[in-house]
Amino acid sequence: MVCAAALVAPETETDAAKRAKIRRAILWYAKKTKMLEILEEAFPASLKMGDLLRYELYKFTLEVELLQLFKLT
């Protein structure tokens, strides 16, 4: 008789890396969704969703560039 644990392939590092990447993507999406909900409650009709997304992308890009500049010094 074959044990069920013997039939399951051992987890490789690439499987763990893929799972971690998927987990980070899901958490990122959840955080962005929550942030958009908060912004919609704070500014109900003043900005369109597309404008908010463009603003957040621009803000994120600036933060990344600033971090890169600080790493160079």
PDB file of N, CA and C in Angstrom:
ATOM      1  N   MET A   1       0.844  -1.175   0.000  1.00  0.00           N
ATOM      2  CA  MET A   1       0.000   0.000   0.000  1.00  0.00           C
ATOM      3  C   MET A   1       0.896   1.247   0.000  1.00  0.00           C
ATOM      4  N   VAL A   2       0.543   2.235  -0.829  1.00  0.00           N
ATOM      5  CA  VAL A   2       1.352   3.452  -0.972  1.00  0.00           C
ATOM      6  C   VAL A   2       0.765   4.540  -0.089  1.00  0.00           C
ATOM      7  N   CYS A   3       1.645   5.189   0.631  1.00  0.00           N
ATOM      8  CA  CYS A   3       1.233   6.295   1.503  1.00  0.00           C
ATOM      9  C   CYS A   3       0.926   7.524   0.644  1.00  0.00           C
ATOM     10  N   ALA A   4      -0.081   8.313   1.041  1.00  0.00           N
ATOM     11  CA  ALA A   4      -0.459   9.508   0.289  1.00  0.00           C
ATOM     12  C   ALA A   4       0.663  10.532   0.285  1.00  0.00           C
ATOM     13  N   ALA A   5       1.439  10.628   1.351  1.00  0.00           N
ATOM     14  CA  ALA A   5       2.541  11.583   1.416  1.00  0.00           C
ATOM     15  C   ALA A   5       3.616  11.248   0.392  1.00  0.00           C
ATOM     16  N   ALA A   6       3.767   9.976   0.041  1.00  0.00           N
ATOM     17  CA  ALA A   6       4.765   9.568  -0.944  1.00  0.00           C
ATOM     18  C   ALA A   6       4.358   9.983  -2.349  1.00  0.00           C
ATOM     19  N   LEU A   7       3.066  10.141  -2.607  1.00  0.00           N
ATOM     20  CA  LEU A   7       2.588  10.527  -3.924  1.00  0.00           C
ATOM     21  C   LEU A   7       2.721  12.019  -4.192  1.00  0.00           C
ATOM     22  N   VAL A   8       2.774  12.823  -3.155  1.00  0.00           N
ATOM     23  CA  VAL A   8       2.868  14.271  -3.307  1.00  0.00           C
ATOM     24  C   VAL A   8       4.319  14.643  -3.558  1.00  0.00           C
ATOM     25  N   ALA A   9       4.540  15.412  -4.620  1.00  0.00           N
ATOM     26  CA  ALA A   9       5.905  15.832  -4.945  1.00  0.00           C
ATOM     27  C   ALA A   9       6.381  16.847  -3.907  1.00  0.00           C
ATOM     28  N   PRO A  10       7.646  16.793  -3.544  1.00  0.00           N
ATOM     29  CA  PRO A  10       8.161  17.765  -2.580  1.00  0.00           C
ATOM     30  C   PRO A  10       8.147  19.173  -3.178  1.00  0.00           C
ATOM     31  N   GLU A  11       7.920  20.152  -2.336  1.00  0.00           N
ATOM     32  CA  GLU A  11       7.840  21.533  -2.790  1.00  0.00           C
ATOM     33  C   GLU A  11       9.243  22.031  -3.152  1.00  0.00           C
ATOM     34  N   THR A  12       9.342  22.681  -4.282  1.00  0.00           N
ATOM     35  CA  THR A  12      10.625  23.227  -4.705  1.00  0.00           C
ATOM     36  C   THR A  12      10.681  24.713  -4.365  1.00  0.00           C
ATOM     37  N   GLU A  13      11.864  25.280  -4.511  1.00  0.00           N
ATOM     38  CA  GLU A  13      12.024  26.704  -4.221  1.00  0.00           C
ATOM     39  C   GLU A  13      11.247  27.562  -5.204  1.00  0.00           C
ATOM     40  N   THR A  14      11.146  27.109  -6.455  1.00  0.00           N
ATOM     41  CA  THR A  14      10.400  27.897  -7.435  1.00  0.00           C
ATOM     42  C   THR A  14       8.912  27.916  -7.108  1.00  0.00           C
ATOM     43  N   ASP A  15       8.393  26.804  -6.583  1.00  0.00           N
ATOM     44  CA  ASP A  15       6.987  26.783  -6.170  1.00  0.00           C
ATOM     45  C   ASP A  15       6.753  27.765  -5.035  1.00  0.00           C
ATOM     46  N   ALA A  16       7.662  27.796  -4.084  1.00  0.00           N
ATOM     47  CA  ALA A  16       7.529  28.722  -2.957  1.00  0.00           C
ATOM     48  C   ALA A  16       7.642  30.164  -3.439  1.00  0.00           C
ATOM     49  N   ALA A  17       8.530  30.416  -4.386  1.00  0.00           N
ATOM     50  CA  ALA A  17       8.689  31.771  -4.919  1.00  0.00           C
ATOM     51  C   ALA A  17       7.436  32.215  -5.679  1.00  0.00           C
ATOM     52  N   LYS A  18       6.863  31.295  -6.462  1.00  0.00           N
ATOM     53  CA  LYS A  18       5.631  31.613  -7.187  1.00  0.00           C
ATOM     54  C   LYS A  18       4.497  31.922  -6.219  1.00  0.00           C
ATOM     55  N   ARG A  19       4.398  31.103  -5.179  1.00  0.00           N
ATOM     56  CA  ARG A  19       3.339  31.308  -4.190  1.00  0.00           C
ATOM     57  C   ARG A  19       3.528  32.651  -3.477  1.00  0.00           C
ATOM     58  N   ALA A  20       4.767  33.002  -3.163  1.00  0.00           N
ATOM     59  CA  ALA A  20       5.043  34.281  -2.497  1.00  0.00           C
ATOM     60  C   ALA A  20       4.714  35.451  -3.421  1.00  0.00           C
ATOM     61  N   LYS A  21       5.024  35.308  -4.705  1.00  0.00           N
ATOM     62  CA  LYS A  21       4.734  36.374  -5.671  1.00  0.00           C
ATOM     63  C   LYS A  21       3.228  36.577  -5.813  1.00  0.00           C
ATOM     64  N   ILE A  22       2.480  35.491  -5.877  1.00  0.00           N
ATOM     65  CA  ILE A  22       1.020  35.582  -5.972  1.00  0.00           C
ATOM     66  C   ILE A  22       0.451  36.215  -4.708  1.00  0.00           C
ATOM     67  N   ARG A  23       0.990  35.829  -3.561  1.00  0.00           N
ATOM     68  CA  ARG A  23       0.528  36.397  -2.292  1.00  0.00           C
ATOM     69  C   ARG A  23       0.771  37.905  -2.241  1.00  0.00           C
ATOM     70  N   ARG A  24       1.961  38.350  -2.681  1.00  0.00           N
ATOM     71  CA  ARG A  24       2.264  39.787  -2.705  1.00  0.00           C
ATOM     72  C   ARG A  24       1.334  40.534  -3.643  1.00  0.00           C
ATOM     73  N   ALA A  25       1.021  39.927  -4.798  1.00  0.00           N
ATOM     74  CA  ALA A  25       0.123  40.564  -5.759  1.00  0.00           C
ATOM     75  C   ALA A  25      -1.279  40.714  -5.184  1.00  0.00           C
ATOM     76  N   ILE A  26      -1.754  39.691  -4.496  1.00  0.00           N
ATOM     77  CA  ILE A  26      -3.088  39.754  -3.889  1.00  0.00           C
ATOM     78  C   ILE A  26      -3.119  40.802  -2.779  1.00  0.00           C
ATOM     79  N   LEU A  27      -2.084  40.841  -1.959  1.00  0.00           N
ATOM     80  CA  LEU A  27      -2.030  41.845  -0.894  1.00  0.00           C
ATOM     81  C   LEU A  27      -1.956  43.253  -1.465  1.00  0.00           C
ATOM     82  N   TRP A  28      -1.177  43.443  -2.546  1.00  0.00           N
ATOM     83  CA  TRP A  28      -1.078  44.748  -3.189  1.00  0.00           C
ATOM     84  C   TRP A  28      -2.449  45.184  -3.689  1.00  0.00           C
ATOM     85  N   TYR A  29      -3.168  44.263  -4.349  1.00  0.00           N
ATOM     86  CA  TYR A  29      -4.492  44.575  -4.872  1.00  0.00           C
ATOM     87  C   TYR A  29      -5.457  44.931  -3.744  1.00  0.00           C
ATOM     88  N   ALA A  30      -5.397  44.195  -2.647  1.00  0.00           N
ATOM     89  CA  ALA A  30      -6.281  44.465  -1.513  1.00  0.00           C
ATOM     90  C   ALA A  30      -5.988  45.838  -0.915  1.00  0.00           C
ATOM     91  N   LYS A  31      -4.717  46.182  -0.795  1.00  0.00           N
ATOM     92  CA  LYS A  31      -4.351  47.491  -0.238  1.00  0.00           C
ATOM     93  C   LYS A  31      -4.828  48.615  -1.148  1.00  0.00           C
ATOM     94  N   LYS A  32      -4.638  48.465  -2.462  1.00  0.00           N
ATOM     95  CA  LYS A  32      -5.072  49.496  -3.406  1.00  0.00           C
ATOM     96  C   LYS A  32      -6.586  49.636  -3.399  1.00  0.00           C
ATOM     97  N   THR A  33      -7.297  48.528  -3.320  1.00  0.00           N
ATOM     98  CA  THR A  33      -8.753  48.573  -3.271  1.00  0.00           C
ATOM     99  C   THR A  33      -9.223  49.298  -2.025  1.00  0.00           C
ATOM    100  N   LYS A  34      -8.608  48.991  -0.889  1.00  0.00           N
ATOM    101  CA  LYS A  34      -8.972  49.651   0.363  1.00  0.00           C
ATOM    102  C   LYS A  34      -8.683  51.145   0.292  1.00  0.00           C
ATOM    103  N   MET A  35      -7.529  51.503  -0.296  1.00  0.00           N
ATOM    104  CA  MET A  35      -7.178  52.907  -0.416  1.00  0.00           C
ATOM    105  C   MET A  35      -8.185  53.639  -1.300  1.00  0.00           C
ATOM    106  N   LEU A  36      -8.605  53.015  -2.397  1.00  0.00           N
ATOM    107  CA  LEU A  36      -9.593  53.645  -3.267  1.00  0.00           C
ATOM    108  C   LEU A  36     -10.933  53.800  -2.568  1.00  0.00           C
ATOM    109  N   GLU A  37     -11.330  52.826  -1.754  1.00  0.00           N
ATOM    110  CA  GLU A  37     -12.573  52.950  -0.995  1.00  0.00           C
ATOM    111  C   GLU A  37     -12.503  54.120  -0.024  1.00  0.00           C
ATOM    112  N   ILE A  38     -11.374  54.277   0.653  1.00  0.00           N
ATOM    113  CA  ILE A  38     -11.200  55.387   1.591  1.00  0.00           C
ATOM    114  C   ILE A  38     -11.259  56.719   0.853  1.00  0.00           C
ATOM    115  N   LEU A  39     -10.590  56.799  -0.309  1.00  0.00           N
ATOM    116  CA  LEU A  39     -10.620  58.028  -1.095  1.00  0.00           C
ATOM    117  C   LEU A  39     -12.018  58.338  -1.606  1.00  0.00           C
ATOM    118  N   GLU A  40     -12.761  57.306  -1.996  1.00  0.00           N
ATOM    119  CA  GLU A  40     -14.129  57.533  -2.460  1.00  0.00           C
ATOM    120  C   GLU A  40     -15.021  58.053  -1.341  1.00  0.00           C
ATOM    121  N   GLU A  41     -14.788  57.580  -0.127  1.00  0.00           N
ATOM    122  CA  GLU A  41     -15.568  58.077   1.001  1.00  0.00           C
ATOM    123  C   GLU A  41     -15.177  59.516   1.334  1.00  0.00           C
ATOM    124  N   ALA A  42     -13.895  59.832   1.237  1.00  0.00           N
ATOM    125  CA  ALA A  42     -13.430  61.178   1.573  1.00  0.00           C
ATOM    126  C   ALA A  42     -13.796  62.184   0.489  1.00  0.00           C
ATOM    127  N   PHE A  43     -13.697  61.782  -0.769  1.00  0.00           N
ATOM    128  CA  PHE A  43     -13.989  62.663  -1.898  1.00  0.00           C
ATOM    129  C   PHE A  43     -15.008  61.977  -2.797  1.00  0.00           C
ATOM    130  N   PRO A  44     -16.281  61.989  -2.416  1.00  0.00           N
ATOM    131  CA  PRO A  44     -17.277  61.169  -3.102  1.00  0.00           C
ATOM    132  C   PRO A  44     -17.454  61.471  -4.594  1.00  0.00           C
ATOM    133  N   ALA A  45     -17.559  62.722  -4.995  1.00  0.00           N
ATOM    134  CA  ALA A  45     -17.836  63.001  -6.404  1.00  0.00           C
ATOM    135  C   ALA A  45     -16.859  64.002  -6.996  1.00  0.00           C
ATOM    136  N   SER A  46     -15.825  64.352  -6.276  1.00  0.00           N
ATOM    137  CA  SER A  46     -14.933  65.395  -6.764  1.00  0.00           C
ATOM    138  C   SER A  46     -13.944  64.895  -7.809  1.00  0.00           C
ATOM    139  N   LEU A  47     -13.575  63.630  -7.755  1.00  0.00           N
ATOM    140  CA  LEU A  47     -12.618  63.080  -8.713  1.00  0.00           C
ATOM    141  C   LEU A  47     -13.160  61.783  -9.312  1.00  0.00           C
ATOM    142  N   LYS A  48     -12.840  61.565 -10.573  1.00  0.00           N
ATOM    143  CA  LYS A  48     -13.217  60.306 -11.213  1.00  0.00           C
ATOM    144  C   LYS A  48     -12.210  59.234 -10.834  1.00  0.00           C
ATOM    145  N   MET A  49     -12.599  57.984 -10.969  1.00  0.00           N
ATOM    146  CA  MET A  49     -11.736  56.863 -10.607  1.00  0.00           C
ATOM    147  C   MET A  49     -10.444  56.879 -11.423  1.00  0.00           C
ATOM    148  N   GLY A  50     -10.537  57.162 -12.698  1.00  0.00           N
ATOM    149  CA  GLY A  50      -9.346  57.210 -13.550  1.00  0.00           C
ATOM    150  C   GLY A  50      -8.362  58.274 -13.109  1.00  0.00           C
ATOM    151  N   ASP A  51      -8.893  59.439 -12.695  1.00  0.00           N
ATOM    152  CA  ASP A  51      -8.016  60.510 -12.211  1.00  0.00           C
ATOM    153  C   ASP A  51      -7.307  60.097 -10.934  1.00  0.00           C
ATOM    154  N   LEU A  52      -8.030  59.430 -10.044  1.00  0.00           N
ATOM    155  CA  LEU A  52      -7.404  58.956  -8.812  1.00  0.00           C
ATOM    156  C   LEU A  52      -6.286  57.954  -9.100  1.00  0.00           C
ATOM    157  N   LEU A  53      -6.544  57.034 -10.026  1.00  0.00           N
ATOM    158  CA  LEU A  53      -5.538  56.034 -10.366  1.00  0.00           C
ATOM    159  C   LEU A  53      -4.308  56.672 -11.001  1.00  0.00           C
ATOM    160  N   ARG A  54      -4.520  57.642 -11.894  1.00  0.00           N
ATOM    161  CA  ARG A  54      -3.386  58.330 -12.508  1.00  0.00           C
ATOM    162  C   ARG A  54      -2.577  59.079 -11.462  1.00  0.00           C
ATOM    163  N   TYR A  55      -3.262  59.743 -10.520  1.00  0.00           N
ATOM    164  CA  TYR A  55      -2.579  60.476  -9.463  1.00  0.00           C
ATOM    165  C   TYR A  55      -1.755  59.532  -8.594  1.00  0.00           C
ATOM    166  N   GLU A  56      -2.335  58.398  -8.212  1.00  0.00           N
ATOM    167  CA  GLU A  56      -1.624  57.441  -7.366  1.00  0.00           C
ATOM    168  C   GLU A  56      -0.427  56.842  -8.102  1.00  0.00           C
ATOM    169  N   LEU A  57      -0.586  56.561  -9.402  1.00  0.00           N
ATOM    170  CA  LEU A  57       0.529  56.024 -10.178  1.00  0.00           C
ATOM    171  C   LEU A  57       1.647  57.055 -10.266  1.00  0.00           C
ATOM    172  N   TYR A  58       1.294  58.318 -10.493  1.00  0.00           N
ATOM    173  CA  TYR A  58       2.281  59.391 -10.559  1.00  0.00           C
ATOM    174  C   TYR A  58       3.000  59.531  -9.222  1.00  0.00           C
ATOM    175  N   LYS A  59       2.233  59.503  -8.133  1.00  0.00           N
ATOM    176  CA  LYS A  59       2.805  59.624  -6.794  1.00  0.00           C
ATOM    177  C   LYS A  59       3.746  58.450  -6.504  1.00  0.00           C
ATOM    178  N   PHE A  60       3.339  57.240  -6.877  1.00  0.00           N
ATOM    179  CA  PHE A  60       4.160  56.056  -6.660  1.00  0.00           C
ATOM    180  C   PHE A  60       5.463  56.152  -7.465  1.00  0.00           C
ATOM    181  N   THR A  61       5.364  56.612  -8.711  1.00  0.00           N
ATOM    182  CA  THR A  61       6.547  56.754  -9.558  1.00  0.00           C
ATOM    183  C   THR A  61       7.531  57.745  -8.940  1.00  0.00           C
ATOM    184  N   LEU A  62       7.025  58.848  -8.416  1.00  0.00           N
ATOM    185  CA  LEU A  62       7.900  59.826  -7.770  1.00  0.00           C
ATOM    186  C   LEU A  62       8.585  59.236  -6.544  1.00  0.00           C
ATOM    187  N   GLU A  63       7.844  58.464  -5.762  1.00  0.00           N
ATOM    188  CA  GLU A  63       8.429  57.848  -4.571  1.00  0.00           C
ATOM    189  C   GLU A  63       9.550  56.886  -4.943  1.00  0.00           C
ATOM    190  N   VAL A  64       9.341  56.113  -5.991  1.00  0.00           N
ATOM    191  CA  VAL A  64      10.366  55.159  -6.435  1.00  0.00           C
ATOM    192  C   VAL A  64      11.601  55.903  -6.917  1.00  0.00           C
ATOM    193  N   GLU A  65      11.401  56.989  -7.679  1.00  0.00           N
ATOM    194  CA  GLU A  65      12.538  57.753  -8.164  1.00  0.00           C
ATOM    195  C   GLU A  65      13.310  58.390  -7.005  1.00  0.00           C
ATOM    196  N   LEU A  66      12.598  58.886  -6.011  1.00  0.00           N
ATOM    197  CA  LEU A  66      13.275  59.472  -4.854  1.00  0.00           C
ATOM    198  C   LEU A  66      14.076  58.424  -4.091  1.00  0.00           C
ATOM    199  N   LEU A  67      13.506  57.244  -3.938  1.00  0.00           N
ATOM    200  CA  LEU A  67      14.236  56.173  -3.263  1.00  0.00           C
ATOM    201  C   LEU A  67      15.504  55.791  -4.020  1.00  0.00           C
ATOM    202  N   GLN A  68      15.418  55.760  -5.332  1.00  0.00           N
ATOM    203  CA  GLN A  68      16.582  55.447  -6.145  1.00  0.00           C
ATOM    204  C   GLN A  68      17.650  56.535  -6.000  1.00  0.00           C
ATOM    205  N   LEU A  69      17.214  57.788  -5.943  1.00  0.00           N
ATOM    206  CA  LEU A  69      18.183  58.886  -5.764  1.00  0.00           C
ATOM    207  C   LEU A  69      18.884  58.783  -4.414  1.00  0.00           C
ATOM    208  N   PHE A  70      18.136  58.449  -3.374  1.00  0.00           N
ATOM    209  CA  PHE A  70      18.738  58.323  -2.051  1.00  0.00           C
ATOM    210  C   PHE A  70      19.706  57.149  -1.984  1.00  0.00           C
ATOM    211  N   LYS A  71      19.428  56.103  -2.744  1.00  0.00           N
ATOM    212  CA  LYS A  71      20.334  54.951  -2.757  1.00  0.00           C
ATOM    213  C   LYS A  71      21.653  55.289  -3.449  1.00  0.00           C
ATOM    214  N   LEU A  72      21.597  56.214  -4.412  1.00  0.00           N
ATOM    215  CA  LEU A  72      22.810  56.586  -5.139  1.00  0.00           C
ATOM    216  C   LEU A  72      23.759  57.432  -4.300  1.00  0.00           C
ATOM    217  N   THR A  73      23.226  58.145  -3.328  1.00  0.00           N
ATOM    218  CA  THR A  73      24.082  59.013  -2.514  1.00  0.00           C
ATOM    219  C   THR A  73      24.678  58.276  -1.349  1.00  0.00           C
TER     220      THR A  73
END
